[in-house]
Amino acid sequence: MTIEKKTVLFLCTGNSARSQMAEALLKHRAGDRFDVFSAGTHPEKVDDRAIDALSRFGIDTQNLVSNHITDFKQSFDYVITLCDRANNECRSYPGAGKQFAWDFSDPKMRVDSNAFSATLTEINNRLSMFILVEDELIQSTTGPTTGTASVESTSSPELAISLEPTAFYKSLTDDIRLKTLMLTHYHGELCVCELIEALAEESQPKVSRNLAVLKKSNIITDRKHGQWVFYRINPDLPMWAKCVIAQTTENNIPLISEDLQRLALMQCRPNKASFCK
């Protein structure tokens, strides 16, 4: 059976590095299942260091060009922002089937000597999770797909908040809190009602209490939009804490696969619209 390709748009501010790397990686790894594009809210020239990092991973960079978000008029099955600024400027892309908010540090601002390669690896790890989860969700509705995979966090350390390891690890000992962090790591941002549906919990106060524990520990932050309150991983968490959450999620997808399925089937999910320019 021929499966229609899903369309993916990666958004960043300059469309010069992170979104270009994500576009090239997903095309390389799953171009048979996804048509992939990228754009910027304020596009710049594609960074030569991003091209160099991709080339060293053996990935084709010939067709990488910088695009403005207004260059695309069509709808996409997935819209994925890769930085906070793009997420704030475009919380609800018109016609997006699913929208994720992934936040990766700008490699131009990182102090690492191999900043672009490090960012490429981080994006690749996140895409491994994306491909695994979305292929499973697609298969559950359309039947098996075939494909191959290849190539095998994140605010600036100077801005990271202070976090006691004991308090952090204690926050992970409850199943609701752990799965909440894993689900928000994958989706970028979720509200209470979405978490209740995903976790198959009947008690909103129970979920809210666990969210309060995570918020008090500065592990998650929230924002209010209309009647909804949305939660996400605190972007100012220290790198080691972000890595723990990322590695736990990316290497334990079966733990939340049923939760992701329930969320994907949820009806009347809250509208995250703010503005998109």
Foldseek 3Di string as FASTA:
>chain_A
DDDDAFEEEEEEAALAALRLLLQQQCCVFPVVRYDYYYEHCHHDFHDPLRVVLCVVLVTDNVPRGYHHPVVDDDEGQEYEYADPVQCVQPVDDPRHNAYAYHYAEDLVPAPDPSSRNVSSQVSQLLVLQVCVQVQVLCCVPPNHDDTGGDDHHHYHQVQADDADPVLLVVLCPDPLSLVVLLVCNNRVKAWLVLSCQLVVPPDSVVSVVSVVSCVVRVQKDWDDDVPTIMIHGRPRHHPVSVVVSSVVNSVPVVSRSSSVNRSSPDPPGDDPDDHHD
